[in-house]
Amino acid sequence: MAARQIVSLAFVAAICSLVYGDKTCYNCGHRTLPDGTTEKLPDLPLCGDFATSEDNTKTCGNGDDCCASVEALFTTEDESTGEKSTVVIGRHGCESDLSHIGEVGVLCSEHTDECVNVEHASLPNMQDHNVTITDMEICFCSGDRCNVEDPTVPQPEPTDPQPTTQKGKQCYNCGYRKLPNGEQQKLPDLAECNDFATPEDLTVTCANGDDCCASMKSYFTTEDETTGEKSTVIIGRHGCESDLSHIGEQGVICSEHTDACVNIDHSSLPNINDNNVTITDMEICFCSGDRCNAEDPIPPEPTTGSGVHLASSLAMLIIAFLF
């Protein structure tokens, strides 16, 4: 009699399974850390993106359950550095066991045999430990052990703290002073180069992201008070716009003369009274590429007329190059 009852109960269970459709689904998961290490989830067998072991299955208790799989990205931001790191959670199971699915209102009955990427606005808002769910995708399927694969969600772009300024250009940074006898000397605190700056080691990355590269050539004439004889010293300078600080003081700026040269009109050149020095000509060139300031300008013969106004501080700055 007892044996007959056991057979009857087994028969009833089989019929119920057919009626209510209890599914057998893969039941496992993983947590992938920012360094790529994979860990098991609490109280679950470990599996990767593809669950294949028959041991990692479960018969769903709810007859209406689908099999399901979910992948979610949890991003944490470090309050001190602003650096972000992402942990990936992958989970295979019965629909009713993946309780967080219900929290976003995604049900198998509405998405049978398809995947759903949860809209960002619908993701749960987590305030603990600066954690944000940045993406989640859920897949449902109606067969047994059909939830083999994790959904694939797009990986977030790595986010670094935003720089305060854009990256500056690389410009040649050197110069020279040519004496009346043709002898060439280096300028104070600068690498020496001539009219054509070519060595790569004479470059600098401009601190100001808006800088152009620039080059300047100036002629300084000194008159001997006793003999009236005149001699000329030539100053050539390659550098970042902001490093040639006297440029900005005169209103000659790259934004108004990009990839162009400006000859400073003779009438606008500063009048230097110290040591009977006169600036007889000056030309400034700007360019927008990296290491584009290889050549010194070649000033034409000075002409008269209106020109760019130069502050007298230019004279004081460059006089240091002369003496």
C-alpha atoms as a PDB file:
ATOM      1  CA  MET A   1       0.000   0.000   0.000  1.00  0.00           C
ATOM      2  CA  ALA A   2       2.795   2.370   0.925  1.00  0.00           C
ATOM      3  CA  ALA A   3       4.549   1.680  -2.366  1.00  0.00           C
ATOM      4  CA  ARG A   4       1.328   2.352  -4.252  1.00  0.00           C
ATOM      5  CA  GLN A   5       0.991   5.765  -2.449  1.00  0.00           C
ATOM      6  CA  ILE A   6       4.590   6.717  -3.293  1.00  0.00           C
ATOM      7  CA  VAL A   7       3.989   5.936  -6.978  1.00  0.00           C
ATOM      8  CA  SER A   8       0.773   7.969  -6.896  1.00  0.00           C
ATOM      9  CA  LEU A   9       2.531  10.973  -5.326  1.00  0.00           C
ATOM     10  CA  ALA A  10       5.320  10.812  -7.895  1.00  0.00           C
ATOM     11  CA  PHE A  11       2.737  10.664 -10.677  1.00  0.00           C
ATOM     12  CA  VAL A  12       0.919  13.695  -9.269  1.00  0.00           C
ATOM     13  CA  ALA A  13       4.225  15.624  -8.999  1.00  0.00           C
ATOM     14  CA  ALA A  14       5.048  14.817 -12.599  1.00  0.00           C
ATOM     15  CA  ILE A  15       1.610  15.968 -13.751  1.00  0.00           C
ATOM     16  CA  CYS A  16       1.949  19.196 -11.732  1.00  0.00           C
ATOM     17  CA  SER A  17       5.334  19.826 -13.285  1.00  0.00           C
ATOM     18  CA  LEU A  18       3.798  19.504 -16.734  1.00  0.00           C
ATOM     19  CA  VAL A  19       0.873  21.749 -15.801  1.00  0.00           C
ATOM     20  CA  TYR A  20       2.803  24.479 -14.035  1.00  0.00           C
ATOM     21  CA  GLY A  21       5.922  24.179 -16.158  1.00  0.00           C
ATOM     22  CA  ASP A  22       8.636  24.148 -13.465  1.00  0.00           C
ATOM     23  CA  LYS A  23      11.837  25.001 -15.326  1.00  0.00           C
ATOM     24  CA  THR A  24      15.349  23.733 -14.734  1.00  0.00           C
ATOM     25  CA  CYS A  25      17.694  26.723 -14.938  1.00  0.00           C
ATOM     26  CA  TYR A  26      21.364  27.336 -14.426  1.00  0.00           C
ATOM     27  CA  ASN A  27      21.840  28.778 -10.937  1.00  0.00           C
ATOM     28  CA  CYS A  28      25.264  30.379 -10.363  1.00  0.00           C
ATOM     29  CA  GLY A  29      27.103  33.656 -10.707  1.00  0.00           C
ATOM     30  CA  HIS A  30      30.307  35.660 -10.486  1.00  0.00           C
ATOM     31  CA  ARG A  31      31.740  38.999  -9.447  1.00  0.00           C
ATOM     32  CA  THR A  32      34.569  40.423 -11.582  1.00  0.00           C
ATOM     33  CA  LEU A  33      36.737  43.007  -9.824  1.00  0.00           C
ATOM     34  CA  PRO A  34      38.370  46.026 -11.528  1.00  0.00           C
ATOM     35  CA  ASP A  35      41.676  44.123 -11.780  1.00  0.00           C
ATOM     36  CA  GLY A  36      39.974  41.265 -13.666  1.00  0.00           C
ATOM     37  CA  THR A  37      39.847  38.823 -10.741  1.00  0.00           C
ATOM     38  CA  THR A  38      36.662  36.684 -10.676  1.00  0.00           C
ATOM     39  CA  GLU A  39      35.064  35.814  -7.322  1.00  0.00           C
ATOM     40  CA  LYS A  40      32.028  33.739  -6.337  1.00  0.00           C
ATOM     41  CA  LEU A  41      28.860  35.359  -5.076  1.00  0.00           C
ATOM     42  CA  PRO A  42      27.647  34.521  -1.550  1.00  0.00           C
ATOM     43  CA  ASP A  43      25.804  31.153  -1.274  1.00  0.00           C
ATOM     44  CA  LEU A  44      26.071  30.453  -5.013  1.00  0.00           C
ATOM     45  CA  PRO A  45      28.264  28.194  -7.159  1.00  0.00           C
ATOM     46  CA  LEU A  46      30.836  30.076  -9.213  1.00  0.00           C
ATOM     47  CA  CYS A  47      30.442  30.283 -12.973  1.00  0.00           C
ATOM     48  CA  GLY A  48      31.679  32.730 -15.558  1.00  0.00           C
ATOM     49  CA  ASP A  49      29.856  34.410 -18.419  1.00  0.00           C
ATOM     50  CA  PHE A  50      28.969  30.939 -19.746  1.00  0.00           C
ATOM     51  CA  ALA A  51      27.326  28.520 -17.295  1.00  0.00           C
ATOM     52  CA  THR A  52      27.810  24.963 -18.586  1.00  0.00           C
ATOM     53  CA  SER A  53      28.091  22.635 -15.579  1.00  0.00           C
ATOM     54  CA  GLU A  54      24.979  20.484 -15.078  1.00  0.00           C
ATOM     55  CA  ASP A  55      25.708  20.630 -11.336  1.00  0.00           C
ATOM     56  CA  ASN A  56      24.881  24.356 -11.321  1.00  0.00           C
ATOM     57  CA  THR A  57      21.186  23.901 -12.082  1.00  0.00           C
ATOM     58  CA  LYS A  58      18.027  24.386 -10.093  1.00  0.00           C
ATOM     59  CA  THR A  59      14.352  23.511 -10.561  1.00  0.00           C
ATOM     60  CA  CYS A  60      12.376  26.720 -10.211  1.00  0.00           C
ATOM     61  CA  GLY A  61       9.707  26.667  -7.498  1.00  0.00           C
ATOM     62  CA  ASN A  62       7.389  29.065  -9.275  1.00  0.00           C
ATOM     63  CA  GLY A  63       5.616  27.446 -12.192  1.00  0.00           C
ATOM     64  CA  ASP A  64       5.469  30.738 -14.069  1.00  0.00           C
ATOM     65  CA  ASP A  65       9.211  31.301 -13.869  1.00  0.00           C
ATOM     66  CA  CYS A  66      11.413  31.731 -16.897  1.00  0.00           C
ATOM     67  CA  CYS A  67      15.110  31.113 -16.769  1.00  0.00           C
ATOM     68  CA  ALA A  68      17.026  34.392 -16.608  1.00  0.00           C
ATOM     69  CA  SER A  69      20.491  35.876 -16.621  1.00  0.00           C
ATOM     70  CA  VAL A  70      21.598  39.365 -15.705  1.00  0.00           C
ATOM     71  CA  GLU A  71      24.782  41.388 -15.924  1.00  0.00           C
ATOM     72  CA  ALA A  72      25.167  44.664 -14.030  1.00  0.00           C
ATOM     73  CA  LEU A  73      28.000  47.182 -13.747  1.00  0.00           C
ATOM     74  CA  PHE A  74      28.567  48.812 -10.348  1.00  0.00           C
ATOM     75  CA  THR A  75      30.846  51.859 -10.443  1.00  0.00           C
ATOM     76  CA  THR A  76      32.501  53.316  -7.339  1.00  0.00           C
ATOM     77  CA  GLU A  77      34.051  56.791  -7.257  1.00  0.00           C
ATOM     78  CA  ASP A  78      36.917  57.619  -4.909  1.00  0.00           C
ATOM     79  CA  GLU A  79      35.997  60.865  -3.138  1.00  0.00           C
ATOM     80  CA  SER A  80      39.631  61.937  -2.751  1.00  0.00           C
ATOM     81  CA  THR A  81      40.981  61.331  -6.262  1.00  0.00           C
ATOM     82  CA  GLY A  82      37.805  61.212  -8.374  1.00  0.00           C
ATOM     83  CA  GLU A  83      39.024  57.914  -9.856  1.00  0.00           C
ATOM     84  CA  LYS A  84      36.291  55.463 -10.825  1.00  0.00           C
ATOM     85  CA  SER A  85      36.407  51.650 -10.726  1.00  0.00           C
ATOM     86  CA  THR A  86      33.819  49.141 -11.959  1.00  0.00           C
ATOM     87  CA  VAL A  87      32.746  45.759 -10.576  1.00  0.00           C
ATOM     88  CA  VAL A  88      30.765  43.441 -12.889  1.00  0.00           C
ATOM     89  CA  ILE A  89      28.111  41.150 -11.394  1.00  0.00           C
ATOM     90  CA  GLY A  90      26.867  38.229 -13.523  1.00  0.00           C
ATOM     91  CA  ARG A  91      23.995  36.021 -12.354  1.00  0.00           C
ATOM     92  CA  HIS A  92      22.167  33.008 -13.829  1.00  0.00           C
ATOM     93  CA  GLY A  93      18.978  31.740 -12.162  1.00  0.00           C
ATOM     94  CA  CYS A  94      15.237  31.468 -12.055  1.00  0.00           C
ATOM     95  CA  GLU A  95      13.349  34.710 -12.636  1.00  0.00           C
ATOM     96  CA  SER A  96      11.946  34.783  -9.087  1.00  0.00           C
ATOM     97  CA  ASP A  97      15.393  34.233  -7.539  1.00  0.00           C
ATOM     98  CA  LEU A  98      16.869  37.273  -9.227  1.00  0.00           C
ATOM     99  CA  SER A  99      14.982  39.606  -6.938  1.00  0.00           C
ATOM    100  CA  HIS A 100      16.620  42.782  -8.258  1.00  0.00           C
ATOM    101  CA  ILE A 101      14.915  42.159 -11.598  1.00  0.00           C
ATOM    102  CA  GLY A 102      11.581  42.961  -9.999  1.00  0.00           C
ATOM    103  CA  GLU A 103      12.999  46.186  -8.584  1.00  0.00           C
ATOM    104  CA  VAL A 104      13.410  47.602 -12.067  1.00  0.00           C
ATOM    105  CA  GLY A 105      10.037  46.277 -13.267  1.00  0.00           C
ATOM    106  CA  VAL A 106      11.347  43.938 -15.978  1.00  0.00           C
ATOM    107  CA  LEU A 107       9.330  40.698 -16.194  1.00  0.00           C
ATOM    108  CA  CYS A 108       9.660  37.569 -18.308  1.00  0.00           C
ATOM    109  CA  SER A 109       5.965  37.688 -19.224  1.00  0.00           C
ATOM    110  CA  GLU A 110       6.651  40.919 -21.102  1.00  0.00           C
ATOM    111  CA  HIS A 111      10.045  39.938 -22.556  1.00  0.00           C
ATOM    112  CA  THR A 112      10.011  36.180 -23.141  1.00  0.00           C
ATOM    113  CA  ASP A 113      13.025  34.937 -25.092  1.00  0.00           C
ATOM    114  CA  GLU A 114      14.622  38.342 -25.379  1.00  0.00           C
ATOM    115  CA  CYS A 115      17.043  40.680 -23.630  1.00  0.00           C
ATOM    116  CA  VAL A 116      16.297  44.076 -22.126  1.00  0.00           C
ATOM    117  CA  ASN A 117      18.825  46.811 -21.449  1.00  0.00           C
ATOM    118  CA  VAL A 118      17.494  48.719 -18.461  1.00  0.00           C
ATOM    119  CA  GLU A 119      17.301  52.432 -19.159  1.00  0.00           C
ATOM    120  CA  HIS A 120      19.696  54.493 -17.095  1.00  0.00           C
ATOM    121  CA  ALA A 121      16.843  56.478 -15.558  1.00  0.00           C
ATOM    122  CA  SER A 122      15.240  53.255 -14.278  1.00  0.00           C
ATOM    123  CA  LEU A 123      18.327  51.871 -12.552  1.00  0.00           C
ATOM    124  CA  PRO A 124      18.238  51.759  -8.740  1.00  0.00           C
ATOM    125  CA  ASN A 125      19.776  54.770  -7.010  1.00  0.00           C
ATOM    126  CA  MET A 126      22.450  53.553  -4.594  1.00  0.00           C
ATOM    127  CA  GLN A 127      23.995  56.086  -2.230  1.00  0.00           C
ATOM    128  CA  ASP A 128      26.087  53.708  -0.117  1.00  0.00           C
ATOM    129  CA  HIS A 129      29.858  54.039  -0.528  1.00  0.00           C
ATOM    130  CA  ASN A 130      29.488  56.239  -3.654  1.00  0.00           C
ATOM    131  CA  VAL A 131      28.335  53.231  -5.704  1.00  0.00           C
ATOM    132  CA  THR A 132      26.311  53.751  -8.889  1.00  0.00           C
ATOM    133  CA  ILE A 133      24.731  51.076 -11.092  1.00  0.00           C
ATOM    134  CA  THR A 134      25.877  52.359 -14.464  1.00  0.00           C
ATOM    135  CA  ASP A 135      24.360  49.664 -16.678  1.00  0.00           C
ATOM    136  CA  MET A 136      22.229  46.507 -16.467  1.00  0.00           C
ATOM    137  CA  GLU A 137      20.962  44.001 -19.006  1.00  0.00           C
ATOM    138  CA  ILE A 138      18.520  41.154 -18.341  1.00  0.00           C
ATOM    139  CA  CYS A 139      17.742  38.195 -20.614  1.00  0.00           C
ATOM    140  CA  PHE A 140      14.805  35.769 -20.292  1.00  0.00           C
ATOM    141  CA  CYS A 141      14.272  32.416 -22.010  1.00  0.00           C
ATOM    142  CA  SER A 142      11.509  29.854 -21.908  1.00  0.00           C
ATOM    143  CA  GLY A 143      13.371  26.519 -22.162  1.00  0.00           C
ATOM    144  CA  ASP A 144      15.220  24.372 -19.637  1.00  0.00           C
ATOM    145  CA  ARG A 145      18.838  25.402 -18.964  1.00  0.00           C
ATOM    146  CA  CYS A 146      18.532  28.082 -21.617  1.00  0.00           C
ATOM    147  CA  ASN A 147      20.178  30.789 -19.465  1.00  0.00           C
ATOM    148  CA  VAL A 148      23.692  29.696 -20.388  1.00  0.00           C
ATOM    149  CA  GLU A 149      25.159  33.079 -21.303  1.00  0.00           C
ATOM    150  CA  ASP A 150      25.504  36.351 -19.433  1.00  0.00           C
ATOM    151  CA  PRO A 151      24.098  39.320 -21.319  1.00  0.00           C
ATOM    152  CA  THR A 152      26.741  41.638 -22.711  1.00  0.00           C
ATOM    153  CA  VAL A 153      26.472  45.238 -21.613  1.00  0.00           C
ATOM    154  CA  PRO A 154      28.657  47.994 -23.069  1.00  0.00           C
ATOM    155  CA  GLN A 155      31.667  48.661 -20.849  1.00  0.00           C
ATOM    156  CA  PRO A 156      31.880  52.231 -19.550  1.00  0.00           C
ATOM    157  CA  GLU A 157      34.656  54.420 -20.877  1.00  0.00           C
ATOM    158  CA  PRO A 158      37.456  54.878 -18.316  1.00  0.00           C
ATOM    159  CA  THR A 159      37.001  58.186 -16.581  1.00  0.00           C
ATOM    160  CA  ASP A 160      39.921  60.184 -15.241  1.00  0.00           C
ATOM    161  CA  PRO A 161      39.736  63.442 -13.330  1.00  0.00           C
ATOM    162  CA  GLN A 162      39.351  66.222 -15.851  1.00  0.00           C
ATOM    163  CA  PRO A 163      42.524  68.241 -16.348  1.00  0.00           C
ATOM    164  CA  THR A 164      42.235  71.893 -15.420  1.00  0.00           C
ATOM    165  CA  THR A 165      43.744  72.924 -18.759  1.00  0.00           C
ATOM    166  CA  GLN A 166      44.075  71.284 -22.118  1.00  0.00           C
ATOM    167  CA  LYS A 167      47.406  69.773 -23.044  1.00  0.00           C
ATOM    168  CA  GLY A 168      49.855  72.398 -24.242  1.00  0.00           C
ATOM    169  CA  LYS A 169      51.739  72.362 -27.501  1.00  0.00           C
ATOM    170  CA  GLN A 170      55.355  71.319 -27.887  1.00  0.00           C
ATOM    171  CA  CYS A 171      57.451  74.241 -29.075  1.00  0.00           C
ATOM    172  CA  TYR A 172      61.125  74.860 -29.675  1.00  0.00           C
ATOM    173  CA  ASN A 173      62.489  76.774 -26.679  1.00  0.00           C
ATOM    174  CA  CYS A 174      65.880  78.356 -27.310  1.00  0.00           C
ATOM    175  CA  GLY A 175      67.542  81.491 -28.575  1.00  0.00           C
ATOM    176  CA  TYR A 176      70.742  83.361 -29.385  1.00  0.00           C
ATOM    177  CA  ARG A 177      72.406  86.764 -29.367  1.00  0.00           C
ATOM    178  CA  LYS A 178      74.558  87.725 -32.368  1.00  0.00           C
ATOM    179  CA  LEU A 179      77.149  90.422 -31.749  1.00  0.00           C
ATOM    180  CA  PRO A 180      78.248  93.044 -34.322  1.00  0.00           C
ATOM    181  CA  ASN A 181      81.420  91.032 -35.110  1.00  0.00           C
ATOM    182  CA  GLY A 182      79.282  88.010 -36.052  1.00  0.00           C
ATOM    183  CA  GLU A 183      79.998  86.051 -32.868  1.00  0.00           C
ATOM    184  CA  GLN A 184      76.948  84.178 -31.578  1.00  0.00           C
ATOM    185  CA  GLN A 185      76.235  83.775 -27.853  1.00  0.00           C
ATOM    186  CA  LYS A 186      73.541  82.015 -25.816  1.00  0.00           C
ATOM    187  CA  LEU A 187      70.854  83.940 -23.990  1.00  0.00           C
ATOM    188  CA  PRO A 188      70.609  83.704 -20.178  1.00  0.00           C
ATOM    189  CA  ASP A 189      68.907  80.520 -18.894  1.00  0.00           C
ATOM    190  CA  LEU A 190      68.109  79.265 -22.407  1.00  0.00           C
ATOM    191  CA  ALA A 191      69.462  76.580 -24.690  1.00  0.00           C
ATOM    192  CA  GLU A 192      71.357  77.991 -27.646  1.00  0.00           C
ATOM    193  CA  CYS A 193      70.092  77.670 -31.211  1.00  0.00           C
ATOM    194  CA  ASN A 194      70.332  79.784 -34.322  1.00  0.00           C
ATOM    195  CA  ASP A 195      67.811  80.948 -36.920  1.00  0.00           C
ATOM    196  CA  PHE A 196      66.731  77.328 -37.503  1.00  0.00           C
ATOM    197  CA  ALA A 197      65.913  75.347 -34.328  1.00  0.00           C
ATOM    198  CA  THR A 198      66.047  71.641 -35.107  1.00  0.00           C
ATOM    199  CA  PRO A 199      67.256  69.477 -32.171  1.00  0.00           C
ATOM    200  CA  GLU A 200      64.311  67.720 -30.550  1.00  0.00           C
ATOM    201  CA  ASP A 201      65.832  68.201 -27.111  1.00  0.00           C
ATOM    202  CA  LEU A 202      65.311  71.972 -27.385  1.00  0.00           C
ATOM    203  CA  THR A 203      61.563  71.640 -26.956  1.00  0.00           C
ATOM    204  CA  VAL A 204      59.191  72.414 -24.096  1.00  0.00           C
ATOM    205  CA  THR A 205      55.527  71.576 -23.471  1.00  0.00           C
ATOM    206  CA  CYS A 206      53.668  74.853 -23.050  1.00  0.00           C
ATOM    207  CA  ALA A 207      52.021  75.238 -19.641  1.00  0.00           C
ATOM    208  CA  ASN A 208      49.125  77.208 -21.109  1.00  0.00           C
ATOM    209  CA  GLY A 209      46.853  75.000 -23.216  1.00  0.00           C
ATOM    210  CA  ASP A 210      45.847  77.993 -25.372  1.00  0.00           C
ATOM    211  CA  ASP A 211      49.446  78.861 -26.317  1.00  0.00           C
ATOM    212  CA  CYS A 212      50.709  78.954 -29.866  1.00  0.00           C
ATOM    213  CA  CYS A 213      54.346  78.407 -30.672  1.00  0.00           C
ATOM    214  CA  ALA A 214      56.160  81.648 -31.425  1.00  0.00           C
ATOM    215  CA  SER A 215      59.448  83.024 -32.701  1.00  0.00           C
ATOM    216  CA  MET A 216      60.817  86.541 -32.636  1.00  0.00           C
ATOM    217  CA  LYS A 217      63.732  88.398 -34.132  1.00  0.00           C
ATOM    218  CA  SER A 218      64.831  91.894 -33.048  1.00  0.00           C
ATOM    219  CA  TYR A 219      67.599  94.302 -34.047  1.00  0.00           C
ATOM    220  CA  PHE A 220      69.138  96.505 -31.329  1.00  0.00           C
ATOM    221  CA  THR A 221      71.398  99.328 -32.534  1.00  0.00           C
ATOM    222  CA  THR A 222      73.834 101.112 -30.215  1.00  0.00           C
ATOM    223  CA  GLU A 223      75.428 104.473 -31.090  1.00  0.00           C
ATOM    224  CA  ASP A 224      78.830 105.430 -29.695  1.00  0.00           C
ATOM    225  CA  GLU A 225      78.461 108.955 -28.255  1.00  0.00           C
ATOM    226  CA  THR A 226      82.066 109.829 -28.993  1.00  0.00           C
ATOM    227  CA  THR A 227      82.502 108.555 -32.540  1.00  0.00           C
ATOM    228  CA  GLY A 228      78.890 108.323 -33.670  1.00  0.00           C
ATOM    229  CA  GLU A 229      79.604 104.803 -34.871  1.00  0.00           C
ATOM    230  CA  LYS A 230      76.635 102.431 -34.783  1.00  0.00           C
ATOM    231  CA  SER A 231      76.655  98.674 -34.081  1.00  0.00           C
ATOM    232  CA  THR A 232      73.771  96.184 -34.119  1.00  0.00           C
ATOM    233  CA  VAL A 233      73.028  93.196 -31.922  1.00  0.00           C
ATOM    234  CA  ILE A 234      70.455  90.636 -33.152  1.00  0.00           C
ATOM    235  CA  ILE A 235      68.279  88.721 -30.694  1.00  0.00           C
ATOM    236  CA  GLY A 236      66.516  85.564 -31.916  1.00  0.00           C
ATOM    237  CA  ARG A 237      64.070  83.716 -29.675  1.00  0.00           C
ATOM    238  CA  HIS A 238      61.926  80.568 -30.108  1.00  0.00           C
ATOM    239  CA  GLY A 239      59.354  79.584 -27.442  1.00  0.00           C
ATOM    240  CA  CYS A 240      55.765  79.301 -26.265  1.00  0.00           C
ATOM    241  CA  GLU A 241      53.638  82.396 -26.653  1.00  0.00           C
ATOM    242  CA  SER A 242      53.259  82.870 -22.903  1.00  0.00           C
ATOM    243  CA  ASP A 243      57.002  82.352 -22.294  1.00  0.00           C
ATOM    244  CA  LEU A 244      57.776  85.262 -24.589  1.00  0.00           C
ATOM    245  CA  SER A 245      56.029  87.416 -21.989  1.00  0.00           C
ATOM    246  CA  HIS A 246      56.747  90.683 -23.743  1.00  0.00           C
ATOM    247  CA  ILE A 247      54.495  89.572 -26.621  1.00  0.00           C
ATOM    248  CA  GLY A 248      51.358  89.641 -24.498  1.00  0.00           C
ATOM    249  CA  GLU A 249      52.238  93.026 -23.037  1.00  0.00           C
ATOM    250  CA  GLN A 250      52.145  94.672 -26.444  1.00  0.00           C
ATOM    251  CA  GLY A 251      48.800  93.333 -27.582  1.00  0.00           C
ATOM    252  CA  VAL A 252      50.431  91.114 -30.206  1.00  0.00           C
ATOM    253  CA  ILE A 253      48.755  87.771 -29.518  1.00  0.00           C
ATOM    254  CA  CYS A 254      48.424  84.500 -31.371  1.00  0.00           C
ATOM    255  CA  SER A 255      44.617  84.505 -31.398  1.00  0.00           C
ATOM    256  CA  GLU A 256      44.719  87.577 -33.665  1.00  0.00           C
ATOM    257  CA  HIS A 257      47.680  86.429 -35.788  1.00  0.00           C
ATOM    258  CA  THR A 258      47.498  82.611 -35.903  1.00  0.00           C
ATOM    259  CA  ASP A 259      49.915  81.142 -38.449  1.00  0.00           C
ATOM    260  CA  ALA A 260      51.058  84.633 -39.398  1.00  0.00           C
ATOM    261  CA  CYS A 261      53.935  87.046 -38.819  1.00  0.00           C
ATOM    262  CA  VAL A 262      53.661  90.606 -37.543  1.00  0.00           C
ATOM    263  CA  ASN A 263      56.282  93.216 -38.317  1.00  0.00           C
ATOM    264  CA  ILE A 264      56.277  95.876 -35.625  1.00  0.00           C
ATOM    265  CA  ASP A 265      56.144  99.268 -37.291  1.00  0.00           C
ATOM    266  CA  HIS A 266      59.205 101.462 -36.669  1.00  0.00           C
ATOM    267  CA  SER A 267      57.084 104.239 -35.180  1.00  0.00           C
ATOM    268  CA  SER A 268      55.649 101.796 -32.638  1.00  0.00           C
ATOM    269  CA  LEU A 269      58.958 100.399 -31.436  1.00  0.00           C
ATOM    270  CA  PRO A 270      59.884 101.365 -27.859  1.00  0.00           C
ATOM    271  CA  ASN A 271      62.349 104.157 -27.305  1.00  0.00           C
ATOM    272  CA  ILE A 272      65.263 102.921 -25.189  1.00  0.00           C
ATOM    273  CA  ASN A 273      67.420 105.655 -23.699  1.00  0.00           C
ATOM    274  CA  ASP A 274      69.765 103.468 -21.671  1.00  0.00           C
ATOM    275  CA  ASN A 275      73.189 102.956 -23.245  1.00  0.00           C
ATOM    276  CA  ASN A 276      72.068 104.745 -26.448  1.00  0.00           C
ATOM    277  CA  VAL A 277      70.277 101.582 -27.638  1.00  0.00           C
ATOM    278  CA  THR A 278      67.554 101.752 -30.305  1.00  0.00           C
ATOM    279  CA  ILE A 279      65.328  98.880 -31.435  1.00  0.00           C
ATOM    280  CA  THR A 280      65.459  99.330 -35.192  1.00  0.00           C
ATOM    281  CA  ASP A 281      63.277  96.404 -36.232  1.00  0.00           C
ATOM    282  CA  MET A 282      61.259  93.521 -34.776  1.00  0.00           C
ATOM    283  CA  GLU A 283      59.089  90.735 -36.198  1.00  0.00           C
ATOM    284  CA  ILE A 284      57.021  88.128 -34.327  1.00  0.00           C
ATOM    285  CA  CYS A 285      55.598  84.938 -35.893  1.00  0.00           C
ATOM    286  CA  PHE A 286      52.962  82.588 -34.450  1.00  0.00           C
ATOM    287  CA  CYS A 287      52.061  79.061 -35.559  1.00  0.00           C
ATOM    288  CA  SER A 288      49.477  76.532 -34.377  1.00  0.00           C
ATOM    289  CA  GLY A 289      51.262  73.157 -34.697  1.00  0.00           C
ATOM    290  CA  ASP A 290      53.749  71.304 -32.523  1.00  0.00           C
ATOM    291  CA  ARG A 291      57.397  72.365 -33.042  1.00  0.00           C
ATOM    292  CA  CYS A 292      56.314  74.678 -35.826  1.00  0.00           C
ATOM    293  CA  ASN A 293      58.462  77.600 -34.591  1.00  0.00           C
ATOM    294  CA  ALA A 294      61.656  76.244 -36.134  1.00  0.00           C
ATOM    295  CA  GLU A 295      62.594  79.398 -38.095  1.00  0.00           C
ATOM    296  CA  ASP A 296      63.299  82.913 -36.952  1.00  0.00           C
ATOM    297  CA  PRO A 297      61.324  85.623 -38.753  1.00  0.00           C
ATOM    298  CA  ILE A 298      63.225  87.792 -41.214  1.00  0.00           C
ATOM    299  CA  PRO A 299      62.184  91.403 -40.615  1.00  0.00           C
ATOM    300  CA  PRO A 300      61.930  93.561 -43.711  1.00  0.00           C
ATOM    301  CA  GLU A 301      63.338  97.062 -43.811  1.00  0.00           C
ATOM    302  CA  PRO A 302      61.372  99.229 -41.348  1.00  0.00           C
ATOM    303  CA  THR A 303      58.601 101.388 -42.767  1.00  0.00           C
ATOM    304  CA  THR A 304      56.661 104.305 -41.306  1.00  0.00           C
ATOM    305  CA  GLY A 305      52.969 104.373 -40.497  1.00  0.00           C
ATOM    306  CA  SER A 306      50.593 103.110 -37.856  1.00  0.00           C
ATOM    307  CA  GLY A 307      51.396  99.785 -36.282  1.00  0.00           C
ATOM    308  CA  VAL A 308      51.014  97.601 -33.225  1.00  0.00           C
ATOM    309  CA  HIS A 309      51.611  99.502 -29.968  1.00  0.00           C
ATOM    310  CA  LEU A 310      54.510  98.151 -27.909  1.00  0.00           C
ATOM    311  CA  ALA A 311      54.809  98.811 -24.176  1.00  0.00           C
ATOM    312  CA  SER A 312      58.073 100.228 -22.874  1.00  0.00           C
ATOM    313  CA  SER A 313      58.375  97.176 -20.602  1.00  0.00           C
ATOM    314  CA  LEU A 314      59.496  95.274 -23.711  1.00  0.00           C
ATOM    315  CA  ALA A 315      62.601  97.389 -23.754  1.00  0.00           C
ATOM    316  CA  MET A 316      63.373  96.685 -20.120  1.00  0.00           C
ATOM    317  CA  LEU A 317      62.906  92.933 -20.598  1.00  0.00           C
ATOM    318  CA  ILE A 318      65.050  92.558 -23.696  1.00  0.00           C
ATOM    319  CA  ILE A 319      67.781  94.936 -22.529  1.00  0.00           C
ATOM    320  CA  ALA A 320      68.788  92.137 -20.139  1.00  0.00           C
ATOM    321  CA  PHE A 321      69.643  90.032 -23.187  1.00  0.00           C
ATOM    322  CA  LEU A 322      72.001  92.708 -24.446  1.00  0.00           C
ATOM    323  CA  PHE A 323      74.128  93.475 -21.415  1.00  0.00           C
END
